[in-house]
Amino acid sequence: MQWTYLLSLLAVIGCLLLVDYRYKLAFFYDWHRAAITLTVGVIIFSIWDAIGIKLGIFFSGQSSYMSGIYLGPEYPPEELLFLFLLCFCSLLIARKVSA
């Protein structure tokens, strides 16, 4: 149960990759642009998180579903995957709407 959230995030990202493959929206349309877009998005949200953590606004809740690993103070790897998922989902929606 300890890795449930992390594995769930990976499973959902995998499903989104299948949607991307089917409709050729992001990585399977132009992998270079998609990688840059997602990297920039994740960096911006990570900076936002770092500021929120520093100000004491954001904190990591304790749950038996989380991995228990931290990349920094109050910053588990699940947060990084969630930010990627958020940006990837937004990118797929934006690409589908504009297509």
PDB file of N, CA and C in Angstrom:
ATOM      1  N   MET A   1       0.808  -1.203   0.000  1.00  0.00           N
ATOM      2  CA  MET A   1       0.000   0.000   0.000  1.00  0.00           C
ATOM      3  C   MET A   1       0.848   1.262   0.000  1.00  0.00           C
ATOM      4  N   GLN A   2       2.105   1.131   0.377  1.00  0.00           N
ATOM      5  CA  GLN A   2       2.950   2.307   0.521  1.00  0.00           C
ATOM      6  C   GLN A   2       3.177   3.029  -0.810  1.00  0.00           C
ATOM      7  N   TRP A   3       3.221   2.338  -1.899  1.00  0.00           N
ATOM      8  CA  TRP A   3       3.539   2.940  -3.190  1.00  0.00           C
ATOM      9  C   TRP A   3       2.297   3.167  -4.054  1.00  0.00           C
ATOM     10  N   THR A   4       1.108   3.067  -3.498  1.00  0.00           N
ATOM     11  CA  THR A   4      -0.137   3.122  -4.265  1.00  0.00           C
ATOM     12  C   THR A   4      -0.290   4.422  -5.052  1.00  0.00           C
ATOM     13  N   TYR A   5      -0.052   5.555  -4.418  1.00  0.00           N
ATOM     14  CA  TYR A   5      -0.247   6.842  -5.091  1.00  0.00           C
ATOM     15  C   TYR A   5       0.748   7.002  -6.236  1.00  0.00           C
ATOM     16  N   LEU A   6       2.002   6.665  -6.006  1.00  0.00           N
ATOM     17  CA  LEU A   6       3.031   6.785  -7.028  1.00  0.00           C
ATOM     18  C   LEU A   6       2.705   5.876  -8.216  1.00  0.00           C
ATOM     19  N   LEU A   7       2.334   4.643  -7.939  1.00  0.00           N
ATOM     20  CA  LEU A   7       1.996   3.709  -9.012  1.00  0.00           C
ATOM     21  C   LEU A   7       0.732   4.131  -9.754  1.00  0.00           C
ATOM     22  N   SER A   8      -0.213   4.710  -9.050  1.00  0.00           N
ATOM     23  CA  SER A   8      -1.437   5.207  -9.693  1.00  0.00           C
ATOM     24  C   SER A   8      -1.122   6.350 -10.646  1.00  0.00           C
ATOM     25  N   LEU A   9      -0.257   7.251 -10.208  1.00  0.00           N
ATOM     26  CA  LEU A   9       0.144   8.357 -11.080  1.00  0.00           C
ATOM     27  C   LEU A   9       0.840   7.833 -12.334  1.00  0.00           C
ATOM     28  N   LEU A  10       1.724   6.860 -12.169  1.00  0.00           N
ATOM     29  CA  LEU A  10       2.407   6.268 -13.322  1.00  0.00           C
ATOM     30  C   LEU A  10       1.416   5.575 -14.258  1.00  0.00           C
ATOM     31  N   ALA A  11       0.422   4.905 -13.704  1.00  0.00           N
ATOM     32  CA  ALA A  11      -0.593   4.236 -14.525  1.00  0.00           C
ATOM     33  C   ALA A  11      -1.411   5.248 -15.321  1.00  0.00           C
ATOM     34  N   VAL A  12      -1.802   6.340 -14.687  1.00  0.00           N
ATOM     35  CA  VAL A  12      -2.588   7.366 -15.384  1.00  0.00           C
ATOM     36  C   VAL A  12      -1.750   8.036 -16.467  1.00  0.00           C
ATOM     37  N   ILE A  13      -0.485   8.304 -16.192  1.00  0.00           N
ATOM     38  CA  ILE A  13       0.402   8.878 -17.207  1.00  0.00           C
ATOM     39  C   ILE A  13       0.533   7.902 -18.376  1.00  0.00           C
ATOM     40  N   GLY A  14       0.647   6.611 -18.079  1.00  0.00           N
ATOM     41  CA  GLY A  14       0.698   5.598 -19.133  1.00  0.00           C
ATOM     42  C   GLY A  14      -0.562   5.605 -19.986  1.00  0.00           C
ATOM     43  N   CYS A  15      -1.713   5.750 -19.351  1.00  0.00           N
ATOM     44  CA  CYS A  15      -2.977   5.825 -20.094  1.00  0.00           C
ATOM     45  C   CYS A  15      -3.031   7.068 -20.966  1.00  0.00           C
ATOM     46  N   LEU A  16      -2.533   8.178 -20.460  1.00  0.00           N
ATOM     47  CA  LEU A  16      -2.496   9.400 -21.262  1.00  0.00           C
ATOM     48  C   LEU A  16      -1.548   9.249 -22.446  1.00  0.00           C
ATOM     49  N   LEU A  17      -0.475   8.501 -22.266  1.00  0.00           N
ATOM     50  CA  LEU A  17       0.422   8.227 -23.389  1.00  0.00           C
ATOM     51  C   LEU A  17      -0.293   7.409 -24.464  1.00  0.00           C
ATOM     52  N   LEU A  18      -1.157   6.494 -24.039  1.00  0.00           N
ATOM     53  CA  LEU A  18      -1.946   5.736 -25.014  1.00  0.00           C
ATOM     54  C   LEU A  18      -2.909   6.640 -25.778  1.00  0.00           C
ATOM     55  N   VAL A  19      -3.521   7.576 -25.080  1.00  0.00           N
ATOM     56  CA  VAL A  19      -4.409   8.553 -25.744  1.00  0.00           C
ATOM     57  C   VAL A  19      -3.590   9.394 -26.715  1.00  0.00           C
ATOM     58  N   ASP A  20      -2.416   9.814 -26.274  1.00  0.00           N
ATOM     59  CA  ASP A  20      -1.525  10.594 -27.136  1.00  0.00           C
ATOM     60  C   ASP A  20      -1.154   9.792 -28.374  1.00  0.00           C
ATOM     61  N   TYR A  21      -0.830   8.520 -28.203  1.00  0.00           N
ATOM     62  CA  TYR A  21      -0.478   7.663 -29.335  1.00  0.00           C
ATOM     63  C   TYR A  21      -1.649   7.530 -30.312  1.00  0.00           C
ATOM     64  N   ARG A  22      -2.829   7.346 -29.757  1.00  0.00           N
ATOM     65  CA  ARG A  22      -4.024   7.151 -30.595  1.00  0.00           C
ATOM     66  C   ARG A  22      -4.348   8.381 -31.436  1.00  0.00           C
ATOM     67  N   TYR A  23      -4.276   9.572 -30.819  1.00  0.00           N
ATOM     68  CA  TYR A  23      -4.690  10.802 -31.504  1.00  0.00           C
ATOM     69  C   TYR A  23      -3.525  11.676 -31.964  1.00  0.00           C
ATOM     70  N   LYS A  24      -2.286  11.255 -31.688  1.00  0.00           N
ATOM     71  CA  LYS A  24      -1.079  11.991 -32.108  1.00  0.00           C
ATOM     72  C   LYS A  24      -1.155  13.469 -31.706  1.00  0.00           C
ATOM     73  N   LEU A  25      -1.289  13.705 -30.403  1.00  0.00           N
ATOM     74  CA  LEU A  25      -1.503  15.057 -29.905  1.00  0.00           C
ATOM     75  C   LEU A  25      -0.243  15.751 -29.381  1.00  0.00           C
ATOM     76  N   ALA A  26       0.643  15.031 -28.742  1.00  0.00           N
ATOM     77  CA  ALA A  26       1.790  15.686 -28.104  1.00  0.00           C
ATOM     78  C   ALA A  26       3.090  14.983 -28.498  1.00  0.00           C
ATOM     79  N   PHE A  27       3.501  13.994 -27.714  1.00  0.00           N
ATOM     80  CA  PHE A  27       4.766  13.310 -27.978  1.00  0.00           C
ATOM     81  C   PHE A  27       4.765  12.589 -29.319  1.00  0.00           C
ATOM     82  N   PHE A  28       3.647  12.048 -29.716  1.00  0.00           N
ATOM     83  CA  PHE A  28       3.581  11.316 -30.971  1.00  0.00           C
ATOM     84  C   PHE A  28       3.250  12.233 -32.145  1.00  0.00           C
ATOM     85  N   TYR A  29       3.115  13.519 -31.889  1.00  0.00           N
ATOM     86  CA  TYR A  29       2.951  14.532 -32.929  1.00  0.00           C
ATOM     87  C   TYR A  29       4.280  15.244 -33.143  1.00  0.00           C
ATOM     88  N   ASP A  30       4.842  15.779 -32.069  1.00  0.00           N
ATOM     89  CA  ASP A  30       6.133  16.465 -32.115  1.00  0.00           C
ATOM     90  C   ASP A  30       6.774  16.320 -30.732  1.00  0.00           C
ATOM     91  N   TRP A  31       7.555  15.265 -30.543  1.00  0.00           N
ATOM     92  CA  TRP A  31       8.091  14.923 -29.216  1.00  0.00           C
ATOM     93  C   TRP A  31       8.979  16.031 -28.661  1.00  0.00           C
ATOM     94  N   HIS A  32       9.703  16.718 -29.523  1.00  0.00           N
ATOM     95  CA  HIS A  32      10.616  17.764 -29.059  1.00  0.00           C
ATOM     96  C   HIS A  32       9.851  18.926 -28.429  1.00  0.00           C
ATOM     97  N   ARG A  33       8.838  19.399 -29.116  1.00  0.00           N
ATOM     98  CA  ARG A  33       8.010  20.494 -28.583  1.00  0.00           C
ATOM     99  C   ARG A  33       7.273  20.085 -27.319  1.00  0.00           C
ATOM    100  N   ALA A  34       6.753  18.875 -27.311  1.00  0.00           N
ATOM    101  CA  ALA A  34       6.032  18.379 -26.133  1.00  0.00           C
ATOM    102  C   ALA A  34       6.956  18.294 -24.934  1.00  0.00           C
ATOM    103  N   ALA A  35       8.161  17.808 -25.137  1.00  0.00           N
ATOM    104  CA  ALA A  35       9.123  17.685 -24.037  1.00  0.00           C
ATOM    105  C   ALA A  35       9.494  19.059 -23.478  1.00  0.00           C
ATOM    106  N   ILE A  36       9.711  20.021 -24.357  1.00  0.00           N
ATOM    107  CA  ILE A  36      10.044  21.378 -23.908  1.00  0.00           C
ATOM    108  C   ILE A  36       8.868  21.982 -23.151  1.00  0.00           C
ATOM    109  N   THR A  37       7.678  21.861 -23.699  1.00  0.00           N
ATOM    110  CA  THR A  37       6.481  22.418 -23.071  1.00  0.00           C
ATOM    111  C   THR A  37       6.258  21.828 -21.678  1.00  0.00           C
ATOM    112  N   LEU A  38       6.347  20.512 -21.568  1.00  0.00           N
ATOM    113  CA  LEU A  38       6.119  19.869 -20.272  1.00  0.00           C
ATOM    114  C   LEU A  38       7.233  20.190 -19.280  1.00  0.00           C
ATOM    115  N   THR A  39       8.460  20.268 -19.742  1.00  0.00           N
ATOM    116  CA  THR A  39       9.574  20.614 -18.858  1.00  0.00           C
ATOM    117  C   THR A  39       9.399  22.012 -18.290  1.00  0.00           C
ATOM    118  N   VAL A  40       9.049  22.957 -19.150  1.00  0.00           N
ATOM    119  CA  VAL A  40       8.836  24.329 -18.689  1.00  0.00           C
ATOM    120  C   VAL A  40       7.677  24.388 -17.698  1.00  0.00           C
ATOM    121  N   GLY A  41       6.589  23.705 -18.003  1.00  0.00           N
ATOM    122  CA  GLY A  41       5.435  23.694 -17.101  1.00  0.00           C
ATOM    123  C   GLY A  41       5.762  23.106 -15.740  1.00  0.00           C
ATOM    124  N   VAL A  42       6.453  21.969 -15.738  1.00  0.00           N
ATOM    125  CA  VAL A  42       6.812  21.319 -14.473  1.00  0.00           C
ATOM    126  C   VAL A  42       7.782  22.196 -13.678  1.00  0.00           C
ATOM    127  N   ILE A  43       8.723  22.841 -14.347  1.00  0.00           N
ATOM    128  CA  ILE A  43       9.666  23.735 -13.650  1.00  0.00           C
ATOM    129  C   ILE A  43       8.928  24.905 -13.014  1.00  0.00           C
ATOM    130  N   ILE A  44       8.017  25.506 -13.749  1.00  0.00           N
ATOM    131  CA  ILE A  44       7.264  26.655 -13.213  1.00  0.00           C
ATOM    132  C   ILE A  44       6.447  26.232 -11.988  1.00  0.00           C
ATOM    133  N   PHE A  45       5.738  25.113 -12.091  1.00  0.00           N
ATOM    134  CA  PHE A  45       4.951  24.655 -10.946  1.00  0.00           C
ATOM    135  C   PHE A  45       5.828  24.187  -9.792  1.00  0.00           C
ATOM    136  N   SER A  46       7.014  23.663 -10.085  1.00  0.00           N
ATOM    137  CA  SER A  46       7.939  23.267  -9.018  1.00  0.00           C
ATOM    138  C   SER A  46       8.455  24.494  -8.265  1.00  0.00           C
ATOM    139  N   ILE A  47       8.712  25.564  -8.998  1.00  0.00           N
ATOM    140  CA  ILE A  47       9.121  26.824  -8.349  1.00  0.00           C
ATOM    141  C   ILE A  47       7.977  27.332  -7.480  1.00  0.00           C
ATOM    142  N   TRP A  48       6.773  27.278  -8.006  1.00  0.00           N
ATOM    143  CA  TRP A  48       5.587  27.671  -7.241  1.00  0.00           C
ATOM    144  C   TRP A  48       5.505  26.851  -5.955  1.00  0.00           C
ATOM    145  N   ASP A  49       5.678  25.538  -6.075  1.00  0.00           N
ATOM    146  CA  ASP A  49       5.660  24.664  -4.898  1.00  0.00           C
ATOM    147  C   ASP A  49       6.753  25.029  -3.906  1.00  0.00           C
ATOM    148  N   ALA A  50       7.953  25.286  -4.418  1.00  0.00           N
ATOM    149  CA  ALA A  50       9.076  25.628  -3.537  1.00  0.00           C
ATOM    150  C   ALA A  50       8.786  26.910  -2.753  1.00  0.00           C
ATOM    151  N   ILE A  51       8.191  27.885  -3.410  1.00  0.00           N
ATOM    152  CA  ILE A  51       7.828  29.131  -2.733  1.00  0.00           C
ATOM    153  C   ILE A  51       6.759  28.850  -1.684  1.00  0.00           C
ATOM    154  N   GLY A  52       5.751  28.068  -2.049  1.00  0.00           N
ATOM    155  CA  GLY A  52       4.694  27.724  -1.101  1.00  0.00           C
ATOM    156  C   GLY A  52       5.215  26.947   0.093  1.00  0.00           C
ATOM    157  N   ILE A  53       6.159  26.048  -0.128  1.00  0.00           N
ATOM    158  CA  ILE A  53       6.761  25.286   0.965  1.00  0.00           C
ATOM    159  C   ILE A  53       7.570  26.207   1.862  1.00  0.00           C
ATOM    160  N   LYS A  54       8.343  27.088   1.253  1.00  0.00           N
ATOM    161  CA  LYS A  54       9.176  28.037   2.017  1.00  0.00           C
ATOM    162  C   LYS A  54       8.310  28.959   2.881  1.00  0.00           C
ATOM    163  N   LEU A  55       7.158  29.357   2.363  1.00  0.00           N
ATOM    164  CA  LEU A  55       6.259  30.243   3.102  1.00  0.00           C
ATOM    165  C   LEU A  55       5.383  29.491   4.104  1.00  0.00           C
ATOM    166  N   GLY A  56       5.469  28.170   4.095  1.00  0.00           N
ATOM    167  CA  GLY A  56       4.684  27.370   5.023  1.00  0.00           C
ATOM    168  C   GLY A  56       3.243  27.160   4.585  1.00  0.00           C
ATOM    169  N   ILE A  57       2.955  27.465   3.328  1.00  0.00           N
ATOM    170  CA  ILE A  57       1.597  27.302   2.800  1.00  0.00           C
ATOM    171  C   ILE A  57       1.360  25.858   2.366  1.00  0.00           C
ATOM    172  N   PHE A  58       2.359  25.271   1.705  1.00  0.00           N
ATOM    173  CA  PHE A  58       2.248  23.890   1.212  1.00  0.00           C
ATOM    174  C   PHE A  58       3.018  22.965   2.146  1.00  0.00           C
ATOM    175  N   PHE A  59       2.483  21.797   2.344  1.00  0.00           N
ATOM    176  CA  PHE A  59       3.186  20.775   3.115  1.00  0.00           C
ATOM    177  C   PHE A  59       2.709  19.412   2.643  1.00  0.00           C
ATOM    178  N   SER A  60       3.520  18.427   2.885  1.00  0.00           N
ATOM    179  CA  SER A  60       3.197  17.063   2.470  1.00  0.00           C
ATOM    180  C   SER A  60       2.439  16.374   3.588  1.00  0.00           C
ATOM    181  N   GLY A  61       1.248  15.910   3.268  1.00  0.00           N
ATOM    182  CA  GLY A  61       0.481  15.163   4.255  1.00  0.00           C
ATOM    183  C   GLY A  61       1.046  13.769   4.431  1.00  0.00           C
ATOM    184  N   GLN A  62       0.855  13.218   5.570  1.00  0.00           N
ATOM    185  CA  GLN A  62       1.328  11.857   5.836  1.00  0.00           C
ATOM    186  C   GLN A  62       0.218  10.874   5.469  1.00  0.00           C
ATOM    187  N   SER A  63       0.560   9.911   4.642  1.00  0.00           N
ATOM    188  CA  SER A  63      -0.409   8.916   4.211  1.00  0.00           C
ATOM    189  C   SER A  63       0.299   7.586   4.003  1.00  0.00           C
ATOM    190  N   SER A  64      -0.398   6.524   4.284  1.00  0.00           N
ATOM    191  CA  SER A  64       0.189   5.200   4.069  1.00  0.00           C
ATOM    192  C   SER A  64       0.260   4.863   2.578  1.00  0.00           C
ATOM    193  N   TYR A  65      -0.365   5.668   1.726  1.00  0.00           N
ATOM    194  CA  TYR A  65      -0.357   5.433   0.293  1.00  0.00           C
ATOM    195  C   TYR A  65       0.842   6.060  -0.410  1.00  0.00           C
ATOM    196  N   MET A  66       1.531   6.962   0.264  1.00  0.00           N
ATOM    197  CA  MET A  66       2.681   7.641  -0.334  1.00  0.00           C
ATOM    198  C   MET A  66       3.951   6.829  -0.121  1.00  0.00           C
ATOM    199  N   SER A  67       4.962   7.119  -0.919  1.00  0.00           N
ATOM    200  CA  SER A  67       6.200   6.336  -0.889  1.00  0.00           C
ATOM    201  C   SER A  67       7.024   6.576   0.370  1.00  0.00           C
ATOM    202  N   GLY A  68       6.928   7.751   0.965  1.00  0.00           N
ATOM    203  CA  GLY A  68       7.747   8.070   2.134  1.00  0.00           C
ATOM    204  C   GLY A  68       9.105   8.643   1.760  1.00  0.00           C
ATOM    205  N   ILE A  69       9.373   8.755   0.471  1.00  0.00           N
ATOM    206  CA  ILE A  69      10.623   9.334  -0.031  1.00  0.00           C
ATOM    207  C   ILE A  69      10.390  10.817  -0.272  1.00  0.00           C
ATOM    208  N   TYR A  70      11.412  11.629  -0.038  1.00  0.00           N
ATOM    209  CA  TYR A  70      11.304  13.062  -0.273  1.00  0.00           C
ATOM    210  C   TYR A  70      12.475  13.539  -1.109  1.00  0.00           C
ATOM    211  N   LEU A  71      12.190  14.344  -2.128  1.00  0.00           N
ATOM    212  CA  LEU A  71      13.215  14.936  -2.974  1.00  0.00           C
ATOM    213  C   LEU A  71      13.767  16.204  -2.347  1.00  0.00           C
ATOM    214  N   GLY A  72      13.014  16.777  -1.453  1.00  0.00           N
ATOM    215  CA  GLY A  72      13.371  17.985  -0.721  1.00  0.00           C
ATOM    216  C   GLY A  72      12.422  18.103   0.445  1.00  0.00           C
ATOM    217  N   PRO A  73      12.561  19.146   1.240  1.00  0.00           N
ATOM    218  CA  PRO A  73      11.637  19.295   2.364  1.00  0.00           C
ATOM    219  C   PRO A  73      10.188  19.403   1.866  1.00  0.00           C
ATOM    220  N   GLU A  74       9.344  18.533   2.362  1.00  0.00           N
ATOM    221  CA  GLU A  74       7.913  18.533   2.015  1.00  0.00           C
ATOM    222  C   GLU A  74       7.653  18.338   0.520  1.00  0.00           C
ATOM    223  N   TYR A  75       8.591  17.703  -0.198  1.00  0.00           N
ATOM    224  CA  TYR A  75       8.451  17.538  -1.658  1.00  0.00           C
ATOM    225  C   TYR A  75       8.687  16.079  -2.058  1.00  0.00           C
ATOM    226  N   PRO A  76       7.631  15.258  -2.034  1.00  0.00           N
ATOM    227  CA  PRO A  76       7.772  13.848  -2.415  1.00  0.00           C
ATOM    228  C   PRO A  76       7.809  13.695  -3.946  1.00  0.00           C
ATOM    229  N   PRO A  77       8.317  12.590  -4.450  1.00  0.00           N
ATOM    230  CA  PRO A  77       8.338  12.373  -5.897  1.00  0.00           C
ATOM    231  C   PRO A  77       6.932  12.321  -6.500  1.00  0.00           C
ATOM    232  N   GLU A  78       5.955  11.979  -5.680  1.00  0.00           N
ATOM    233  CA  GLU A  78       4.569  11.975  -6.170  1.00  0.00           C
ATOM    234  C   GLU A  78       4.149  13.368  -6.628  1.00  0.00           C
ATOM    235  N   GLU A  79       4.650  14.399  -5.977  1.00  0.00           N
ATOM    236  CA  GLU A  79       4.310  15.768  -6.369  1.00  0.00           C
ATOM    237  C   GLU A  79       4.857  16.077  -7.753  1.00  0.00           C
ATOM    238  N   LEU A  80       6.063  15.651  -8.012  1.00  0.00           N
ATOM    239  CA  LEU A  80       6.672  15.870  -9.319  1.00  0.00           C
ATOM    240  C   LEU A  80       5.879  15.150 -10.409  1.00  0.00           C
ATOM    241  N   LEU A  81       5.485  13.917 -10.140  1.00  0.00           N
ATOM    242  CA  LEU A  81       4.674  13.173 -11.108  1.00  0.00           C
ATOM    243  C   LEU A  81       3.297  13.801 -11.282  1.00  0.00           C
ATOM    244  N   PHE A  82       2.723  14.304 -10.189  1.00  0.00           N
ATOM    245  CA  PHE A  82       1.427  14.969 -10.301  1.00  0.00           C
ATOM    246  C   PHE A  82       1.535  16.225 -11.168  1.00  0.00           C
ATOM    247  N   LEU A  83       2.601  16.996 -10.991  1.00  0.00           N
ATOM    248  CA  LEU A  83       2.794  18.192 -11.815  1.00  0.00           C
ATOM    249  C   LEU A  83       2.952  17.821 -13.278  1.00  0.00           C
ATOM    250  N   PHE A  84       3.689  16.739 -13.551  1.00  0.00           N
ATOM    251  CA  PHE A  84       3.823  16.264 -14.923  1.00  0.00           C
ATOM    252  C   PHE A  84       2.457  15.859 -15.479  1.00  0.00           C
ATOM    253  N   LEU A  85       1.695  15.132 -14.675  1.00  0.00           N
ATOM    254  CA  LEU A  85       0.356  14.694 -15.084  1.00  0.00           C
ATOM    255  C   LEU A  85      -0.538  15.898 -15.377  1.00  0.00           C
ATOM    256  N   LEU A  86      -0.501  16.883 -14.526  1.00  0.00           N
ATOM    257  CA  LEU A  86      -1.302  18.096 -14.710  1.00  0.00           C
ATOM    258  C   LEU A  86      -0.937  18.797 -16.020  1.00  0.00           C
ATOM    259  N   CYS A  87       0.344  18.981 -16.257  1.00  0.00           N
ATOM    260  CA  CYS A  87       0.791  19.654 -17.477  1.00  0.00           C
ATOM    261  C   CYS A  87       0.502  18.814 -18.723  1.00  0.00           C
ATOM    262  N   PHE A  88       0.705  17.504 -18.635  1.00  0.00           N
ATOM    263  CA  PHE A  88       0.474  16.620 -19.770  1.00  0.00           C
ATOM    264  C   PHE A  88      -1.004  16.587 -20.139  1.00  0.00           C
ATOM    265  N   CYS A  89      -1.854  16.500 -19.150  1.00  0.00           N
ATOM    266  CA  CYS A  89      -3.297  16.500 -19.385  1.00  0.00           C
ATOM    267  C   CYS A  89      -3.724  17.823 -20.033  1.00  0.00           C
ATOM    268  N   SER A  90      -3.201  18.918 -19.526  1.00  0.00           N
ATOM    269  CA  SER A  90      -3.518  20.238 -20.095  1.00  0.00           C
ATOM    270  C   SER A  90      -3.043  20.346 -21.538  1.00  0.00           C
ATOM    271  N   LEU A  91      -1.857  19.833 -21.810  1.00  0.00           N
ATOM    272  CA  LEU A  91      -1.325  19.865 -23.168  1.00  0.00           C
ATOM    273  C   LEU A  91      -2.194  19.046 -24.116  1.00  0.00           C
ATOM    274  N   LEU A  92      -2.594  17.859 -23.688  1.00  0.00           N
ATOM    275  CA  LEU A  92      -3.430  17.015 -24.554  1.00  0.00           C
ATOM    276  C   LEU A  92      -4.776  17.679 -24.827  1.00  0.00           C
ATOM    277  N   ILE A  93      -5.373  18.279 -23.814  1.00  0.00           N
ATOM    278  CA  ILE A  93      -6.657  18.959 -24.000  1.00  0.00           C
ATOM    279  C   ILE A  93      -6.510  20.150 -24.935  1.00  0.00           C
ATOM    280  N   ALA A  94      -5.472  20.946 -24.726  1.00  0.00           N
ATOM    281  CA  ALA A  94      -5.255  22.124 -25.581  1.00  0.00           C
ATOM    282  C   ALA A  94      -5.020  21.715 -27.027  1.00  0.00           C
ATOM    283  N   ARG A  95      -4.261  20.666 -27.239  1.00  0.00           N
ATOM    284  CA  ARG A  95      -3.995  20.200 -28.599  1.00  0.00           C
ATOM    285  C   ARG A  95      -5.252  19.643 -29.268  1.00  0.00           C
ATOM    286  N   LYS A  96      -6.064  18.910 -28.501  1.00  0.00           N
ATOM    287  CA  LYS A  96      -7.280  18.339 -29.068  1.00  0.00           C
ATOM    288  C   LYS A  96      -8.292  19.423 -29.414  1.00  0.00           C
ATOM    289  N   VAL A  97      -8.408  20.427 -28.553  1.00  0.00           N
ATOM    290  CA  VAL A  97      -9.358  21.514 -28.786  1.00  0.00           C
ATOM    291  C   VAL A  97      -8.942  22.330 -30.016  1.00  0.00           C
ATOM    292  N   SER A  98      -7.633  22.535 -30.179  1.00  0.00           N
ATOM    293  CA  SER A  98      -7.162  23.355 -31.295  1.00  0.00           C
ATOM    294  C   SER A  98      -7.067  22.581 -32.604  1.00  0.00           C
ATOM    295  N   ALA A  99      -7.190  21.249 -32.540  1.00  0.00           N
ATOM    296  CA  ALA A  99      -7.064  20.437 -33.768  1.00  0.00           C
ATOM    297  C   ALA A  99      -8.315  20.473 -34.607  1.00  0.00           C
TER     298      ALA A  99
END
